[in-house]
Amino acid sequence: MLHTTNHVIKHKAGLLNLAEELSNVSKACKIMGVSRDTFYR
């Protein structure tokens, strides 16, 4: 369970960092294969 939690946290952190780098949430979500709705949850 801890491994799964760490994986989810790292994935979210990576997505947030990418969105910041690109200054574009939509592009970051598209690259990472995540919906914008999920991003804002």
PDB file of N, CA and C in Angstrom:
ATOM      1  N   MET A   1       0.833  -1.206   0.000  1.00  0.00           N
ATOM      2  CA  MET A   1       0.000   0.000   0.000  1.00  0.00           C
ATOM      3  C   MET A   1       0.867   1.256   0.000  1.00  0.00           C
ATOM      4  N   LEU A   2       1.924   1.255   0.801  1.00  0.00           N
ATOM      5  CA  LEU A   2       2.807   2.419   0.872  1.00  0.00           C
ATOM      6  C   LEU A   2       3.453   2.683  -0.484  1.00  0.00           C
ATOM      7  N   HIS A   3       3.850   1.610  -1.172  1.00  0.00           N
ATOM      8  CA  HIS A   3       4.464   1.756  -2.492  1.00  0.00           C
ATOM      9  C   HIS A   3       3.482   2.414  -3.463  1.00  0.00           C
ATOM     10  N   THR A   4       2.236   1.987  -3.438  1.00  0.00           N
ATOM     11  CA  THR A   4       1.207   2.555  -4.313  1.00  0.00           C
ATOM     12  C   THR A   4       0.989   4.026  -4.005  1.00  0.00           C
ATOM     13  N   THR A   5       0.931   4.362  -2.733  1.00  0.00           N
ATOM     14  CA  THR A   5       0.745   5.756  -2.320  1.00  0.00           C
ATOM     15  C   THR A   5       1.907   6.614  -2.806  1.00  0.00           C
ATOM     16  N   ASN A   6       3.130   6.127  -2.638  1.00  0.00           N
ATOM     17  CA  ASN A   6       4.302   6.877  -3.093  1.00  0.00           C
ATOM     18  C   ASN A   6       4.278   7.073  -4.603  1.00  0.00           C
ATOM     19  N   HIS A   7       3.847   6.057  -5.329  1.00  0.00           N
ATOM     20  CA  HIS A   7       3.775   6.152  -6.787  1.00  0.00           C
ATOM     21  C   HIS A   7       2.777   7.233  -7.203  1.00  0.00           C
ATOM     22  N   VAL A   8       1.628   7.260  -6.571  1.00  0.00           N
ATOM     23  CA  VAL A   8       0.596   8.254  -6.890  1.00  0.00           C
ATOM     24  C   VAL A   8       1.103   9.659  -6.587  1.00  0.00           C
ATOM     25  N   ILE A   9       1.753   9.822  -5.459  1.00  0.00           N
ATOM     26  CA  ILE A   9       2.279  11.134  -5.066  1.00  0.00           C
ATOM     27  C   ILE A   9       3.333  11.605  -6.069  1.00  0.00           C
ATOM     28  N   LYS A  10       4.234  10.714  -6.468  1.00  0.00           N
ATOM     29  CA  LYS A  10       5.276  11.085  -7.432  1.00  0.00           C
ATOM     30  C   LYS A  10       4.666  11.453  -8.781  1.00  0.00           C
ATOM     31  N   HIS A  11       3.641  10.719  -9.199  1.00  0.00           N
ATOM     32  CA  HIS A  11       2.976  11.015 -10.475  1.00  0.00           C
ATOM     33  C   HIS A  11       2.317  12.390 -10.419  1.00  0.00           C
ATOM     34  N   LYS A  12       1.628  12.689  -9.319  1.00  0.00           N
ATOM     35  CA  LYS A  12       0.971  13.994  -9.176  1.00  0.00           C
ATOM     36  C   LYS A  12       2.001  15.115  -9.137  1.00  0.00           C
ATOM     37  N   ALA A  13       3.104  14.889  -8.422  1.00  0.00           N
ATOM     38  CA  ALA A  13       4.154  15.902  -8.338  1.00  0.00           C
ATOM     39  C   ALA A  13       4.755  16.150  -9.718  1.00  0.00           C
ATOM     40  N   GLY A  14       4.964  15.087 -10.474  1.00  0.00           N
ATOM     41  CA  GLY A  14       5.497  15.226 -11.830  1.00  0.00           C
ATOM     42  C   GLY A  14       4.558  16.012 -12.721  1.00  0.00           C
ATOM     43  N   LEU A  15       3.278  15.743 -12.597  1.00  0.00           N
ATOM     44  CA  LEU A  15       2.278  16.464 -13.389  1.00  0.00           C
ATOM     45  C   LEU A  15       2.256  17.942 -13.011  1.00  0.00           C
ATOM     46  N   LEU A  16       2.296  18.233 -11.728  1.00  0.00           N
ATOM     47  CA  LEU A  16       2.310  19.630 -11.280  1.00  0.00           C
ATOM     48  C   LEU A  16       3.558  20.354 -11.774  1.00  0.00           C
ATOM     49  N   ASN A  17       4.703  19.688 -11.695  1.00  0.00           N
ATOM     50  CA  ASN A  17       5.951  20.302 -12.162  1.00  0.00           C
ATOM     51  C   ASN A  17       5.913  20.567 -13.662  1.00  0.00           C
ATOM     52  N   LEU A  18       5.391  19.610 -14.421  1.00  0.00           N
ATOM     53  CA  LEU A  18       5.297  19.785 -15.866  1.00  0.00           C
ATOM     54  C   LEU A  18       4.361  20.941 -16.210  1.00  0.00           C
ATOM     55  N   ALA A  19       3.231  21.013 -15.534  1.00  0.00           N
ATOM     56  CA  ALA A  19       2.283  22.108 -15.774  1.00  0.00           C
ATOM     57  C   ALA A  19       2.941  23.458 -15.489  1.00  0.00           C
ATOM     58  N   GLU A  20       3.734  23.499 -14.449  1.00  0.00           N
ATOM     59  CA  GLU A  20       4.427  24.749 -14.114  1.00  0.00           C
ATOM     60  C   GLU A  20       5.482  25.084 -15.171  1.00  0.00           C
ATOM     61  N   GLU A  21       6.252  24.085 -15.588  1.00  0.00           N
ATOM     62  CA  GLU A  21       7.280  24.302 -16.611  1.00  0.00           C
ATOM     63  C   GLU A  21       6.680  24.819 -17.911  1.00  0.00           C
ATOM     64  N   LEU A  22       5.577  24.200 -18.317  1.00  0.00           N
ATOM     65  CA  LEU A  22       4.938  24.569 -19.582  1.00  0.00           C
ATOM     66  C   LEU A  22       4.061  25.805 -19.453  1.00  0.00           C
ATOM     67  N   SER A  23       3.732  26.167 -18.229  1.00  0.00           N
ATOM     68  CA  SER A  23       2.769  27.242 -17.961  1.00  0.00           C
ATOM     69  C   SER A  23       1.449  26.959 -18.664  1.00  0.00           C
ATOM     70  N   ASN A  24       1.113  25.657 -18.730  1.00  0.00           N
ATOM     71  CA  ASN A  24      -0.094  25.262 -19.444  1.00  0.00           C
ATOM     72  C   ASN A  24      -0.585  23.922 -18.899  1.00  0.00           C
ATOM     73  N   VAL A  25      -1.656  23.959 -18.144  1.00  0.00           N
ATOM     74  CA  VAL A  25      -2.210  22.752 -17.535  1.00  0.00           C
ATOM     75  C   VAL A  25      -2.734  21.797 -18.601  1.00  0.00           C
ATOM     76  N   SER A  26      -3.403  22.319 -19.613  1.00  0.00           N
ATOM     77  CA  SER A  26      -3.972  21.464 -20.659  1.00  0.00           C
ATOM     78  C   SER A  26      -2.899  20.640 -21.366  1.00  0.00           C
ATOM     79  N   LYS A  27      -1.801  21.281 -21.731  1.00  0.00           N
ATOM     80  CA  LYS A  27      -0.712  20.568 -22.410  1.00  0.00           C
ATOM     81  C   LYS A  27      -0.090  19.525 -21.494  1.00  0.00           C
ATOM     82  N   ALA A  28       0.119  19.879 -20.243  1.00  0.00           N
ATOM     83  CA  ALA A  28       0.712  18.936 -19.292  1.00  0.00           C
ATOM     84  C   ALA A  28      -0.182  17.713 -19.122  1.00  0.00           C
ATOM     85  N   CYS A  29      -1.466  17.933 -19.014  1.00  0.00           N
ATOM     86  CA  CYS A  29      -2.412  16.826 -18.861  1.00  0.00           C
ATOM     87  C   CYS A  29      -2.410  15.936 -20.093  1.00  0.00           C
ATOM     88  N   LYS A  30      -2.358  16.554 -21.259  1.00  0.00           N
ATOM     89  CA  LYS A  30      -2.352  15.777 -22.503  1.00  0.00           C
ATOM     90  C   LYS A  30      -1.096  14.910 -22.583  1.00  0.00           C
ATOM     91  N   ILE A  31       0.049  15.470 -22.239  1.00  0.00           N
ATOM     92  CA  ILE A  31       1.313  14.736 -22.271  1.00  0.00           C
ATOM     93  C   ILE A  31       1.295  13.571 -21.284  1.00  0.00           C
ATOM     94  N   MET A  32       0.751  13.816 -20.104  1.00  0.00           N
ATOM     95  CA  MET A  32       0.750  12.798 -19.047  1.00  0.00           C
ATOM     96  C   MET A  32      -0.437  11.838 -19.149  1.00  0.00           C
ATOM     97  N   GLY A  33      -1.374  12.120 -20.046  1.00  0.00           N
ATOM     98  CA  GLY A  33      -2.527  11.246 -20.213  1.00  0.00           C
ATOM     99  C   GLY A  33      -3.532  11.331 -19.080  1.00  0.00           C
ATOM    100  N   VAL A  34      -3.699  12.546 -18.549  1.00  0.00           N
ATOM    101  CA  VAL A  34      -4.610  12.781 -17.427  1.00  0.00           C
ATOM    102  C   VAL A  34      -5.633  13.825 -17.862  1.00  0.00           C
ATOM    103  N   SER A  35      -6.880  13.636 -17.488  1.00  0.00           N
ATOM    104  CA  SER A  35      -7.890  14.636 -17.835  1.00  0.00           C
ATOM    105  C   SER A  35      -7.707  15.877 -16.959  1.00  0.00           C
ATOM    106  N   ARG A  36      -8.137  17.011 -17.466  1.00  0.00           N
ATOM    107  CA  ARG A  36      -8.048  18.241 -16.673  1.00  0.00           C
ATOM    108  C   ARG A  36      -8.920  18.146 -15.438  1.00  0.00           C
ATOM    109  N   ASP A  37     -10.046  17.451 -15.551  1.00  0.00           N
ATOM    110  CA  ASP A  37     -10.924  17.249 -14.399  1.00  0.00           C
ATOM    111  C   ASP A  37     -10.166  16.539 -13.275  1.00  0.00           C
ATOM    112  N   THR A  38      -9.418  15.512 -13.636  1.00  0.00           N
ATOM    113  CA  THR A  38      -8.619  14.782 -12.644  1.00  0.00           C
ATOM    114  C   THR A  38      -7.532  15.676 -12.067  1.00  0.00           C
ATOM    115  N   PHE A  39      -6.926  16.507 -12.904  1.00  0.00           N
ATOM    116  CA  PHE A  39      -5.869  17.410 -12.447  1.00  0.00           C
ATOM    117  C   PHE A  39      -6.358  18.307 -11.312  1.00  0.00           C
ATOM    118  N   TYR A  40      -7.578  18.813 -11.445  1.00  0.00           N
ATOM    119  CA  TYR A  40      -8.098  19.760 -10.466  1.00  0.00           C
ATOM    120  C   TYR A  40      -8.721  19.096  -9.243  1.00  0.00           C
ATOM    121  N   ARG A  41      -8.719  17.769  -9.179  1.00  0.00           N
ATOM    122  CA  ARG A  41      -9.244  17.064  -7.999  1.00  0.00           C
ATOM    123  C   ARG A  41      -8.220  17.036  -6.913  1.00  0.00           C
TER     124      ARG A  41
END
